């Protein structure tokens, strides 16, 4: 890049980037496309349900960041500055990575629960299956 050139980031770039990240993160969480690691649990776990909801809320936050960032940049009276748009894109990426980290914590908790010894008095009659997400965005 030469000295007189600058980065030309448009609001639609933010929307496209954040939406693509959000869709990919949602796609990885769809039941049919899980990684194959499944944990059979003796009973329903409210903690795992909460972890799943937090991860989905973070993915929704990536969508929201894409829409709000692009919308804010579009309606501003003065031209949008690339640092603001880049910050919105980085925030969407951070939310998707955070969702994967939350899911990784849920998988660890499910693995511990599945490894507990079987006690018939606390088990439901129908076992619960927890499916892990692939973790495409966590490194």
N, C-alpha and C. Protein backbone atom coordinates (compact mmCIF):
# COMPACT_ATOMS: atom_id res chain seq x y z
N UNK A 1 0.85 -1.16 0.00
CA UNK A 1 0.00 0.00 0.00
C UNK A 1 0.90 1.24 0.00
N UNK A 2 0.61 2.14 -0.86
CA UNK A 2 1.40 3.37 -0.97
C UNK A 2 0.92 4.40 0.04
N UNK A 3 1.73 5.41 0.27
CA UNK A 3 1.45 6.40 1.30
C UNK A 3 0.14 7.15 1.05
N UNK A 4 -0.21 7.41 -0.19
CA UNK A 4 -1.42 8.18 -0.47
C UNK A 4 -2.69 7.32 -0.53
N UNK A 5 -2.54 6.00 -0.44
CA UNK A 5 -3.70 5.12 -0.47
C UNK A 5 -4.23 4.92 0.95
N UNK A 6 -5.50 4.64 1.05
CA UNK A 6 -6.11 4.35 2.35
C UNK A 6 -7.05 3.16 2.22
N UNK A 7 -7.40 2.62 3.33
CA UNK A 7 -8.30 1.47 3.34
C UNK A 7 -9.71 1.98 3.10
N UNK A 8 -10.39 1.40 2.14
CA UNK A 8 -11.74 1.82 1.80
C UNK A 8 -12.72 0.76 2.30
N UNK A 9 -13.18 0.95 3.53
CA UNK A 9 -14.14 0.03 4.13
C UNK A 9 -15.50 0.70 4.11
N UNK A 10 -16.47 0.01 3.58
CA UNK A 10 -17.83 0.54 3.47
C UNK A 10 -18.74 -0.14 4.49
N UNK A 11 -19.86 0.49 4.81
CA UNK A 11 -20.80 -0.13 5.75
C UNK A 11 -21.27 -1.52 5.31
N UNK A 12 -21.44 -1.72 4.02
CA UNK A 12 -21.89 -3.04 3.58
C UNK A 12 -20.84 -4.11 3.83
N UNK A 13 -19.55 -3.71 3.90
CA UNK A 13 -18.49 -4.67 4.25
C UNK A 13 -18.72 -5.20 5.67
N UNK A 14 -19.07 -4.28 6.58
CA UNK A 14 -19.33 -4.67 7.97
C UNK A 14 -20.52 -5.62 8.02
N UNK A 15 -21.58 -5.27 7.31
CA UNK A 15 -22.77 -6.12 7.31
C UNK A 15 -22.45 -7.50 6.72
N UNK A 16 -21.76 -7.53 5.61
CA UNK A 16 -21.44 -8.81 4.97
C UNK A 16 -20.52 -9.66 5.85
N UNK A 17 -19.50 -9.04 6.42
CA UNK A 17 -18.55 -9.77 7.26
C UNK A 17 -19.22 -10.31 8.51
N UNK A 18 -19.94 -9.46 9.23
CA UNK A 18 -20.61 -9.88 10.47
C UNK A 18 -21.70 -10.91 10.21
N UNK A 19 -22.45 -10.73 9.14
CA UNK A 19 -23.50 -11.69 8.81
C UNK A 19 -22.91 -13.03 8.41
N UNK A 20 -21.84 -13.01 7.64
CA UNK A 20 -21.20 -14.28 7.24
C UNK A 20 -20.65 -15.01 8.46
N UNK A 21 -20.03 -14.28 9.37
CA UNK A 21 -19.54 -14.91 10.60
C UNK A 21 -20.69 -15.48 11.42
N UNK A 22 -21.75 -14.70 11.58
CA UNK A 22 -22.90 -15.16 12.34
C UNK A 22 -23.56 -16.38 11.73
N UNK A 23 -23.70 -16.38 10.40
CA UNK A 23 -24.29 -17.54 9.73
C UNK A 23 -23.42 -18.78 9.87
N UNK A 24 -22.11 -18.60 9.73
CA UNK A 24 -21.20 -19.74 9.89
C UNK A 24 -21.25 -20.28 11.32
N UNK A 25 -21.31 -19.39 12.30
CA UNK A 25 -21.38 -19.82 13.69
C UNK A 25 -22.70 -20.52 13.99
N UNK A 26 -23.78 -20.03 13.40
CA UNK A 26 -25.08 -20.67 13.58
C UNK A 26 -25.10 -22.03 12.87
N UNK A 27 -24.52 -22.10 11.70
CA UNK A 27 -24.44 -23.33 10.92
C UNK A 27 -23.70 -24.42 11.70
N UNK A 28 -22.61 -24.04 12.38
CA UNK A 28 -21.84 -25.04 13.13
C UNK A 28 -22.60 -25.54 14.36
N UNK A 29 -23.62 -24.80 14.78
CA UNK A 29 -24.39 -25.20 15.95
C UNK A 29 -25.67 -25.98 15.61
N UNK A 30 -25.98 -26.09 14.33
CA UNK A 30 -27.17 -26.85 13.91
C UNK A 30 -26.94 -28.32 14.21
N UNK A 31 -27.93 -28.96 14.75
CA UNK A 31 -27.79 -30.35 15.22
C UNK A 31 -27.21 -31.29 14.17
N UNK A 32 -27.61 -31.16 12.92
CA UNK A 32 -27.15 -32.09 11.90
C UNK A 32 -25.69 -31.93 11.51
N UNK A 33 -25.06 -30.84 11.89
CA UNK A 33 -23.70 -30.58 11.45
C UNK A 33 -22.71 -30.51 12.61
N UNK A 34 -22.97 -31.23 13.66
CA UNK A 34 -22.08 -31.25 14.82
C UNK A 34 -20.84 -32.06 14.50
N UNK A 35 -19.87 -31.99 15.36
CA UNK A 35 -18.58 -32.63 15.12
C UNK A 35 -18.60 -34.13 15.30
N UNK A 36 -19.64 -34.67 15.87
CA UNK A 36 -19.68 -36.10 16.10
C UNK A 36 -19.41 -36.48 17.55
N UNK A 37 -18.83 -35.57 18.33
CA UNK A 37 -18.61 -35.86 19.74
C UNK A 37 -19.93 -35.68 20.47
N UNK A 38 -20.42 -36.76 21.02
CA UNK A 38 -21.67 -36.71 21.76
C UNK A 38 -21.47 -37.30 23.14
N UNK A 39 -22.18 -36.74 24.09
CA UNK A 39 -22.10 -37.19 25.48
C UNK A 39 -23.50 -37.59 25.93
N UNK A 40 -23.62 -38.82 26.38
CA UNK A 40 -24.90 -39.29 26.88
C UNK A 40 -24.95 -38.99 28.37
N UNK A 41 -25.94 -38.20 28.74
CA UNK A 41 -26.07 -37.76 30.12
C UNK A 41 -27.27 -38.47 30.76
N UNK A 42 -27.14 -38.69 32.02
CA UNK A 42 -28.15 -39.40 32.78
C UNK A 42 -29.42 -38.57 32.97
N UNK A 43 -29.28 -37.26 32.98
CA UNK A 43 -30.42 -36.38 33.20
C UNK A 43 -30.18 -35.04 32.52
N UNK A 44 -31.23 -34.30 32.38
CA UNK A 44 -31.16 -32.97 31.77
C UNK A 44 -30.35 -32.05 32.67
N UNK A 45 -29.48 -31.23 32.07
CA UNK A 45 -28.66 -30.32 32.86
C UNK A 45 -29.05 -28.87 32.57
N UNK A 46 -29.62 -28.18 33.54
CA UNK A 46 -29.93 -26.77 33.34
C UNK A 46 -28.69 -25.93 33.05
N UNK A 47 -27.57 -26.30 33.64
CA UNK A 47 -26.33 -25.55 33.40
C UNK A 47 -25.92 -25.64 31.93
N UNK A 48 -26.01 -26.82 31.35
CA UNK A 48 -25.67 -26.97 29.93
C UNK A 48 -26.66 -26.22 29.04
N UNK A 49 -27.90 -26.21 29.43
CA UNK A 49 -28.90 -25.44 28.67
C UNK A 49 -28.57 -23.95 28.71
N UNK A 50 -28.14 -23.45 29.86
CA UNK A 50 -27.77 -22.03 29.99
C UNK A 50 -26.53 -21.73 29.15
N UNK A 51 -25.57 -22.63 29.16
CA UNK A 51 -24.35 -22.43 28.37
C UNK A 51 -24.70 -22.35 26.89
N UNK A 52 -25.58 -23.22 26.44
CA UNK A 52 -26.01 -23.20 25.04
C UNK A 52 -26.71 -21.88 24.70
N UNK A 53 -27.56 -21.41 25.60
CA UNK A 53 -28.25 -20.14 25.37
C UNK A 53 -27.28 -18.96 25.33
N UNK A 54 -26.27 -18.98 26.19
CA UNK A 54 -25.27 -17.90 26.18
C UNK A 54 -24.51 -17.91 24.85
N UNK A 55 -24.13 -19.09 24.38
CA UNK A 55 -23.41 -19.18 23.10
C UNK A 55 -24.28 -18.67 21.96
N UNK A 56 -25.55 -19.02 21.96
CA UNK A 56 -26.45 -18.53 20.91
C UNK A 56 -26.66 -17.02 21.01
N UNK A 57 -26.69 -16.50 22.23
CA UNK A 57 -26.81 -15.05 22.41
C UNK A 57 -25.58 -14.33 21.87
N UNK A 58 -24.41 -14.92 22.05
CA UNK A 58 -23.19 -14.31 21.51
C UNK A 58 -23.20 -14.33 19.98
N UNK A 59 -23.69 -15.40 19.39
CA UNK A 59 -23.82 -15.46 17.93
C UNK A 59 -24.81 -14.40 17.45
N UNK A 60 -25.92 -14.26 18.17
CA UNK A 60 -26.89 -13.22 17.83
C UNK A 60 -26.25 -11.83 17.97
N UNK A 61 -25.35 -11.69 18.94
CA UNK A 61 -24.63 -10.42 19.09
C UNK A 61 -23.77 -10.10 17.89
N UNK A 62 -23.20 -11.11 17.26
CA UNK A 62 -22.41 -10.88 16.04
C UNK A 62 -23.30 -10.35 14.92
N UNK A 63 -24.50 -10.94 14.77
CA UNK A 63 -25.46 -10.41 13.79
C UNK A 63 -25.83 -8.98 14.13
N UNK A 64 -26.12 -8.74 15.40
CA UNK A 64 -26.51 -7.41 15.84
C UNK A 64 -25.40 -6.39 15.59
N UNK A 65 -24.17 -6.79 15.86
CA UNK A 65 -23.04 -5.89 15.61
C UNK A 65 -22.94 -5.55 14.13
N UNK A 66 -23.20 -6.52 13.27
CA UNK A 66 -23.16 -6.28 11.83
C UNK A 66 -24.23 -5.27 11.41
N UNK A 67 -25.43 -5.46 11.92
CA UNK A 67 -26.53 -4.58 11.54
C UNK A 67 -26.35 -3.19 12.14
N UNK A 68 -26.05 -3.12 13.43
CA UNK A 68 -25.90 -1.82 14.09
C UNK A 68 -24.70 -1.06 13.56
N UNK A 69 -23.59 -1.75 13.38
CA UNK A 69 -22.39 -1.09 12.85
C UNK A 69 -22.62 -0.54 11.46
N UNK A 70 -23.20 -1.34 10.58
CA UNK A 70 -23.47 -0.87 9.22
C UNK A 70 -24.52 0.22 9.21
N UNK A 71 -25.56 0.05 10.03
CA UNK A 71 -26.62 1.06 10.09
C UNK A 71 -26.13 2.38 10.64
N UNK A 72 -25.34 2.33 11.70
CA UNK A 72 -24.80 3.55 12.29
C UNK A 72 -23.90 4.27 11.30
N UNK A 73 -23.06 3.50 10.62
CA UNK A 73 -22.16 4.12 9.64
C UNK A 73 -22.93 4.71 8.46
N UNK A 74 -24.04 4.10 8.12
CA UNK A 74 -24.82 4.58 6.97
C UNK A 74 -25.58 5.87 7.29
N UNK A 75 -26.14 5.99 8.47
CA UNK A 75 -26.97 7.15 8.79
C UNK A 75 -26.18 8.33 9.37
N UNK A 76 -24.92 8.15 9.63
CA UNK A 76 -24.13 9.27 10.15
C UNK A 76 -24.07 10.38 9.12
N UNK A 77 -24.07 11.62 9.59
CA UNK A 77 -24.07 12.76 8.67
C UNK A 77 -22.71 12.92 7.97
N UNK A 78 -21.66 12.59 8.67
CA UNK A 78 -20.35 12.69 8.03
C UNK A 78 -19.90 11.29 7.57
N UNK A 79 -18.98 11.22 6.66
CA UNK A 79 -18.55 9.91 6.17
C UNK A 79 -17.96 9.06 7.30
N UNK A 80 -18.25 7.78 7.22
CA UNK A 80 -17.75 6.86 8.24
C UNK A 80 -16.24 6.71 8.13
N UNK A 81 -15.64 6.57 9.26
CA UNK A 81 -14.21 6.38 9.30
C UNK A 81 -13.91 4.88 9.33
N UNK A 82 -12.90 4.47 8.60
CA UNK A 82 -12.55 3.04 8.59
C UNK A 82 -12.27 2.45 9.97
N UNK A 83 -11.66 3.18 10.92
CA UNK A 83 -11.45 2.56 12.24
C UNK A 83 -12.74 2.11 12.92
N UNK A 84 -13.82 2.89 12.79
CA UNK A 84 -15.10 2.51 13.38
C UNK A 84 -15.62 1.23 12.72
N UNK A 85 -15.56 1.18 11.42
CA UNK A 85 -16.06 0.01 10.69
C UNK A 85 -15.22 -1.22 10.98
N UNK A 86 -13.93 -1.05 11.05
CA UNK A 86 -13.04 -2.17 11.36
C UNK A 86 -13.29 -2.65 12.79
N UNK A 87 -13.52 -1.71 13.70
CA UNK A 87 -13.83 -2.09 15.09
C UNK A 87 -15.12 -2.91 15.16
N UNK A 88 -16.11 -2.55 14.37
CA UNK A 88 -17.37 -3.32 14.33
C UNK A 88 -17.11 -4.73 13.80
N UNK A 89 -16.27 -4.85 12.79
CA UNK A 89 -15.95 -6.16 12.24
C UNK A 89 -15.19 -7.01 13.26
N UNK A 90 -14.25 -6.40 13.96
CA UNK A 90 -13.49 -7.12 14.99
C UNK A 90 -14.39 -7.52 16.16
N UNK A 91 -15.35 -6.67 16.50
CA UNK A 91 -16.28 -7.01 17.58
C UNK A 91 -17.14 -8.21 17.19
N UNK A 92 -17.59 -8.27 15.94
CA UNK A 92 -18.37 -9.43 15.48
C UNK A 92 -17.52 -10.70 15.54
N UNK A 93 -16.27 -10.60 15.14
CA UNK A 93 -15.36 -11.74 15.21
C UNK A 93 -15.15 -12.17 16.66
N UNK A 94 -14.96 -11.21 17.55
CA UNK A 94 -14.75 -11.52 18.97
C UNK A 94 -15.97 -12.21 19.57
N UNK A 95 -17.16 -11.80 19.18
CA UNK A 95 -18.38 -12.43 19.70
C UNK A 95 -18.50 -13.88 19.24
N UNK A 96 -18.13 -14.15 18.00
CA UNK A 96 -18.21 -15.52 17.48
C UNK A 96 -17.15 -16.40 18.16
N UNK A 97 -15.96 -15.88 18.36
CA UNK A 97 -14.91 -16.63 19.06
C UNK A 97 -15.34 -16.89 20.50
N UNK A 98 -15.94 -15.89 21.15
CA UNK A 98 -16.43 -16.07 22.52
C UNK A 98 -17.50 -17.16 22.58
N UNK A 99 -18.38 -17.22 21.58
CA UNK A 99 -19.40 -18.28 21.54
C UNK A 99 -18.75 -19.66 21.47
N UNK A 100 -17.69 -19.79 20.68
CA UNK A 100 -16.99 -21.08 20.60
C UNK A 100 -16.32 -21.43 21.92
N UNK A 101 -15.76 -20.44 22.60
CA UNK A 101 -15.11 -20.71 23.88
C UNK A 101 -16.16 -21.13 24.92
N UNK A 102 -17.32 -20.50 24.90
CA UNK A 102 -18.40 -20.88 25.82
C UNK A 102 -18.83 -22.31 25.52
N UNK A 103 -18.98 -22.65 24.24
CA UNK A 103 -19.34 -24.01 23.86
C UNK A 103 -18.28 -25.01 24.29
N UNK A 104 -17.02 -24.63 24.21
CA UNK A 104 -15.94 -25.53 24.66
C UNK A 104 -16.07 -25.80 26.16
N UNK A 105 -16.42 -24.78 26.92
CA UNK A 105 -16.65 -24.97 28.35
C UNK A 105 -17.84 -25.89 28.61
N UNK A 106 -18.88 -25.77 27.79
CA UNK A 106 -20.03 -26.66 27.92
C UNK A 106 -19.66 -28.10 27.59
N UNK A 107 -18.81 -28.27 26.60
CA UNK A 107 -18.38 -29.62 26.26
C UNK A 107 -17.56 -30.24 27.40
N UNK A 108 -16.70 -29.45 28.02
CA UNK A 108 -15.92 -29.96 29.16
C UNK A 108 -16.85 -30.37 30.30
N UNK A 109 -17.85 -29.56 30.55
CA UNK A 109 -18.81 -29.87 31.62
C UNK A 109 -19.59 -31.14 31.28
N UNK A 110 -20.00 -31.29 30.01
CA UNK A 110 -20.73 -32.49 29.59
C UNK A 110 -19.85 -33.73 29.70
N UNK A 111 -18.57 -33.60 29.37
CA UNK A 111 -17.65 -34.74 29.48
C UNK A 111 -17.51 -35.18 30.93
N UNK A 112 -17.42 -34.22 31.85
CA UNK A 112 -17.34 -34.56 33.28
C UNK A 112 -18.62 -35.23 33.75
N UNK A 113 -19.75 -34.71 33.31
CA UNK A 113 -21.02 -35.29 33.73
C UNK A 113 -21.20 -36.71 33.17
N UNK A 114 -20.76 -36.92 31.94
CA UNK A 114 -20.88 -38.24 31.32
C UNK A 114 -19.95 -39.26 31.98
N UNK A 115 -18.85 -38.78 32.57
CA UNK A 115 -17.89 -39.67 33.20
C UNK A 115 -18.27 -40.03 34.63
N UNK A 116 -19.27 -39.35 35.19
CA UNK A 116 -19.68 -39.65 36.57
C UNK A 116 -20.24 -41.07 36.64
N UNK A 117 -20.08 -41.71 37.78
CA UNK A 117 -20.64 -43.06 37.90
C UNK A 117 -22.16 -43.05 37.81
N UNK A 118 -22.69 -44.12 37.26
CA UNK A 118 -24.14 -44.25 37.08
C UNK A 118 -24.83 -44.45 38.42
N UNK A 119 -25.80 -43.59 38.70
CA UNK A 119 -26.63 -43.73 39.90
C UNK A 119 -28.09 -43.71 39.46
N UNK A 120 -28.73 -44.82 39.60
CA UNK A 120 -30.08 -44.98 39.08
C UNK A 120 -31.07 -44.01 39.73
N UNK A 121 -30.86 -43.66 40.96
CA UNK A 121 -31.83 -42.80 41.66
C UNK A 121 -31.87 -41.37 41.13
N UNK A 122 -30.83 -40.90 40.43
CA UNK A 122 -30.86 -39.54 39.89
C UNK A 122 -31.07 -39.51 38.38
N UNK A 123 -31.12 -40.67 37.74
CA UNK A 123 -31.24 -40.71 36.29
C UNK A 123 -32.70 -40.63 35.84
N UNK A 124 -32.89 -39.93 34.73
CA UNK A 124 -34.20 -39.92 34.09
C UNK A 124 -34.35 -41.22 33.30
N UNK A 125 -35.56 -41.51 32.91
CA UNK A 125 -35.79 -42.74 32.15
C UNK A 125 -35.31 -42.60 30.70
N UNK A 126 -35.25 -41.38 30.21
CA UNK A 126 -34.73 -41.17 28.86
C UNK A 126 -33.43 -40.39 28.97
N UNK A 127 -32.33 -40.96 28.48
CA UNK A 127 -31.05 -40.25 28.58
C UNK A 127 -31.04 -39.01 27.68
N UNK A 128 -30.27 -38.03 28.07
CA UNK A 128 -30.09 -36.80 27.30
C UNK A 128 -28.77 -36.88 26.56
N UNK A 129 -28.74 -36.40 25.33
CA UNK A 129 -27.52 -36.41 24.53
C UNK A 129 -27.09 -34.97 24.31
N UNK A 130 -25.84 -34.70 24.64
CA UNK A 130 -25.25 -33.38 24.40
C UNK A 130 -24.27 -33.53 23.24
N UNK A 131 -24.49 -32.77 22.17
CA UNK A 131 -23.61 -32.82 21.00
C UNK A 131 -22.69 -31.62 21.01
N UNK A 132 -21.41 -31.88 20.82
CA UNK A 132 -20.42 -30.80 20.82
C UNK A 132 -20.38 -30.08 19.48
N UNK A 133 -20.05 -28.81 19.52
CA UNK A 133 -19.87 -28.06 18.28
C UNK A 133 -18.42 -28.19 17.84
N UNK A 134 -18.14 -28.05 16.54
CA UNK A 134 -16.78 -28.24 16.05
C UNK A 134 -15.78 -27.21 16.56
N UNK A 135 -16.21 -26.02 16.90
CA UNK A 135 -15.28 -24.99 17.38
C UNK A 135 -14.44 -24.41 16.26
N UNK A 136 -15.09 -24.08 15.16
CA UNK A 136 -14.37 -23.54 14.00
C UNK A 136 -13.66 -22.22 14.30
N UNK A 137 -14.15 -21.46 15.24
CA UNK A 137 -13.63 -20.11 15.47
C UNK A 137 -12.72 -20.01 16.70
N UNK A 138 -12.49 -21.11 17.39
CA UNK A 138 -11.58 -21.04 18.53
C UNK A 138 -10.27 -21.71 18.15
N UNK A 139 -9.21 -21.05 18.52
CA UNK A 139 -7.90 -21.54 18.11
C UNK A 139 -7.11 -22.01 19.29
